[in-house]
C-alpha cells in the first residue's frame, strides 16, 4: 500500500496512482516488494520539530525517512517538507515535469532509496544516491508520464532563523 497524505498543508496532488506505479517498478528493479509506505506532506516548522525530536537535529530538511523494512518488504514513513522542496526546486534541471513536481518526485524516491538501503553520508554514497535518483526519474519520465503529476501548494509559513 502506498499512501500520500497531504496533512494540513493545503496541498493537492494529482497523479498519485502514477507515482505509486512508478515506485512499485523502482522496487521491482531492485528485487523488492512494496509493503506499506506513507508519504506525509508537512511544512518547514513541522519538519524542524520532527527533526529535533526524533533525530536531535536543529535544522530544516526536505525529508525524514522512517524505515520499517522487513527483509524484502519495503515499508516506512516519509515526512516531506513541501516548503523546502519548493525552495530546492529552483536548483534542479527541468524535465518533462515542472520543477516543483520534479523535485517532489526526486525527494519521494530519495526516501524510498533510503529504505532500500542506500545512504548519502559520504561523497561516494551521495554520488551513488544521485545516480539512483536520476535513473528512477528517467524511468518515470519515459514510462509513466502518459498521465500527469501536478501539485498545487501555497506556503503558509516562512522559515524563522
Protein backbone atom coordinates (compact mmCIF):
# COMPACT_ATOMS: atom_id res chain seq x y z
CA UNK A 1 0.00 0.00 0.00
CA UNK A 2 1.32 3.42 -0.96
CA UNK A 3 -0.41 6.43 0.60
CA UNK A 4 0.22 10.11 0.00
CA UNK A 5 -1.24 12.25 2.77
CA UNK A 6 -1.40 15.98 2.28
CA UNK A 7 -1.97 16.58 6.03
CA UNK A 8 -2.79 20.17 6.93
CA UNK A 9 -0.60 21.70 4.21
CA UNK A 10 -3.42 22.67 1.88
CA UNK A 11 -1.56 20.84 -0.91
CA UNK A 12 -3.39 18.91 -3.60
CA UNK A 13 -1.52 16.31 -5.60
CA UNK A 14 -2.76 14.98 -8.91
CA UNK A 15 -1.14 11.79 -10.19
CA UNK A 16 -0.89 9.68 -7.04
CA UNK A 17 -1.57 6.46 -8.98
CA UNK A 18 1.24 7.27 -11.41
CA UNK A 19 3.65 7.79 -8.52
CA UNK A 20 2.56 4.53 -6.89
CA UNK A 21 3.09 2.52 -10.11
CA UNK A 22 6.46 4.19 -10.61
CA UNK A 23 7.64 3.40 -7.07
CA UNK A 24 6.44 -0.19 -7.48
CA UNK A 25 8.64 -0.52 -10.58
CA UNK A 26 11.64 1.10 -8.87
CA UNK A 27 11.32 -1.53 -6.14
CA UNK A 28 10.80 -4.41 -8.60
CA UNK A 29 14.05 -3.46 -10.36
CA UNK A 30 15.79 -3.95 -7.01
CA UNK A 31 14.05 -7.26 -6.31
CA UNK A 32 11.93 -5.70 -3.55
CA UNK A 33 8.20 -5.57 -2.83
CA UNK A 34 6.10 -2.63 -1.72
CA UNK A 35 4.69 -3.10 1.77
CA UNK A 36 3.13 -0.05 3.41
CA UNK A 37 4.66 3.31 2.62
CA UNK A 38 3.13 6.57 3.78
CA UNK A 39 4.26 9.86 2.24
CA UNK A 40 3.23 12.62 4.63
CA UNK A 41 3.47 16.20 3.41
CA UNK A 42 4.25 18.80 6.04
CA UNK A 43 5.56 22.35 6.43
CA UNK A 44 9.01 23.57 7.47
CA UNK A 45 8.02 24.23 11.11
CA UNK A 46 6.61 20.70 11.33
CA UNK A 47 9.70 19.02 9.84
CA UNK A 48 12.01 21.12 12.03
CA UNK A 49 10.12 19.93 15.12
CA UNK A 50 10.26 16.31 13.92
CA UNK A 51 13.96 16.61 13.09
CA UNK A 52 14.63 17.98 16.59
CA UNK A 53 12.50 15.48 18.48
CA UNK A 54 13.38 12.31 16.57
CA UNK A 55 16.91 12.90 15.32
CA UNK A 56 18.29 15.63 17.57
CA UNK A 57 18.98 17.89 14.56
CA UNK A 58 18.13 21.59 14.74
CA UNK A 59 17.80 22.37 11.04
CA UNK A 60 15.35 22.22 8.16
CA UNK A 61 15.43 19.32 5.73
CA UNK A 62 13.37 18.21 2.77
CA UNK A 63 12.68 14.67 4.01
CA UNK A 64 12.87 12.49 7.08
CA UNK A 65 12.54 8.77 6.41
CA UNK A 66 11.47 6.18 8.95
CA UNK A 67 12.43 2.72 7.73
CA UNK A 68 10.17 -0.20 8.71
CA UNK A 69 11.52 -2.60 6.10
CA UNK A 70 11.38 -6.30 6.91
CA UNK A 71 13.61 -8.33 4.60
CA UNK A 72 12.41 -7.67 1.03
CA UNK A 73 9.20 -5.85 2.00
CA UNK A 74 9.68 -2.08 1.81
CA UNK A 75 7.67 -0.16 4.38
CA UNK A 76 8.16 3.22 6.01
CA UNK A 77 7.01 6.76 6.58
CA UNK A 78 8.39 9.63 4.50
CA UNK A 79 7.81 13.08 6.01
CA UNK A 80 8.36 15.66 3.26
CA UNK A 81 8.52 19.42 3.81
CA UNK A 82 6.80 20.99 0.84
CA UNK A 83 8.30 24.36 1.82
CA UNK A 84 11.85 23.02 1.44
CA UNK A 85 11.03 21.01 -1.69
CA UNK A 86 9.60 24.17 -3.28
CA UNK A 87 12.69 26.20 -2.33
CA UNK A 88 15.05 23.48 -3.60
CA UNK A 89 13.14 23.01 -6.84
CA UNK A 90 14.82 26.03 -8.39
CA UNK A 91 18.20 24.26 -8.10
CA UNK A 92 17.43 21.30 -10.37
CA UNK A 93 17.09 20.91 -14.09
CA UNK A 94 13.63 20.90 -15.59
CA UNK A 95 12.44 17.70 -17.18
CA UNK A 96 9.01 16.93 -18.58
CA UNK A 97 7.66 17.71 -15.13
CA UNK A 98 7.64 21.24 -13.80
CA UNK A 99 10.50 21.98 -11.41
CA UNK A 100 8.43 21.61 -8.22
CA UNK A 101 6.91 18.30 -9.30
CA UNK A 102 10.30 17.00 -10.46
CA UNK A 103 11.92 17.86 -7.13
CA UNK A 104 8.99 16.34 -5.23
CA UNK A 105 9.40 13.07 -7.16
CA UNK A 106 13.16 13.18 -6.53
CA UNK A 107 12.57 13.55 -2.79
CA UNK A 108 9.99 10.73 -2.72
CA UNK A 109 12.34 8.32 -4.49
CA UNK A 110 15.21 9.53 -2.27
CA UNK A 111 13.26 8.35 0.77
CA UNK A 112 12.39 5.07 -0.92
CA UNK A 113 16.06 4.51 -1.76
CA UNK A 114 16.99 5.07 1.89
CA UNK A 115 14.55 2.31 2.85
CA UNK A 116 16.15 0.14 0.14
CA UNK A 117 19.48 0.54 1.94
CA UNK A 118 21.09 3.45 0.09
CA UNK A 119 22.84 6.09 2.17
CA UNK A 120 24.20 9.55 1.45
CA UNK A 121 26.65 10.46 4.21
CA UNK A 122 29.87 10.35 2.18
CA UNK A 123 30.59 11.90 -1.22
CA UNK A 124 30.74 8.41 -2.78
CA UNK A 125 27.36 7.49 -1.26
CA UNK A 126 25.90 10.82 -2.38
CA UNK A 127 27.04 10.19 -5.94
CA UNK A 128 25.52 6.70 -5.90
CA UNK A 129 22.28 8.04 -4.42
CA UNK A 130 22.03 10.82 -7.03
CA UNK A 131 22.67 8.31 -9.81
CA UNK A 132 19.87 6.05 -8.48
CA UNK A 133 17.53 9.05 -8.20
CA UNK A 134 18.28 10.10 -11.78
CA UNK A 135 17.74 6.57 -13.07
CA UNK A 136 14.37 6.41 -11.29
CA UNK A 137 13.35 9.85 -12.59
CA UNK A 138 14.26 8.78 -16.11
CA UNK A 139 12.05 5.70 -15.67
CA UNK A 140 9.22 7.97 -14.53
CA UNK A 141 9.70 10.29 -17.49
CA UNK A 142 9.91 7.51 -20.09
CA UNK A 143 7.30 5.03 -18.84
CA UNK A 144 4.76 6.66 -16.59
CA UNK A 145 4.05 10.16 -17.79
CA UNK A 146 1.16 9.28 -20.04
CA UNK A 147 -0.77 10.84 -17.18
CA UNK A 148 0.04 14.00 -15.31
CA UNK A 149 1.62 14.75 -11.97
CA UNK A 150 0.72 18.16 -10.65
CA UNK A 151 0.83 19.67 -7.19
CA UNK A 152 -0.84 22.83 -6.01
CA UNK A 153 0.67 24.30 -2.86
CA UNK A 154 0.98 27.74 -1.35
CA UNK A 155 3.40 28.08 1.55
CA UNK A 156 1.79 29.49 4.67
CA UNK A 157 4.87 29.62 6.86
CA UNK A 158 8.25 31.20 6.40
CA UNK A 159 11.47 29.85 7.90
CA UNK A 160 12.40 31.58 11.12
CA UNK A 161 16.11 31.58 11.68
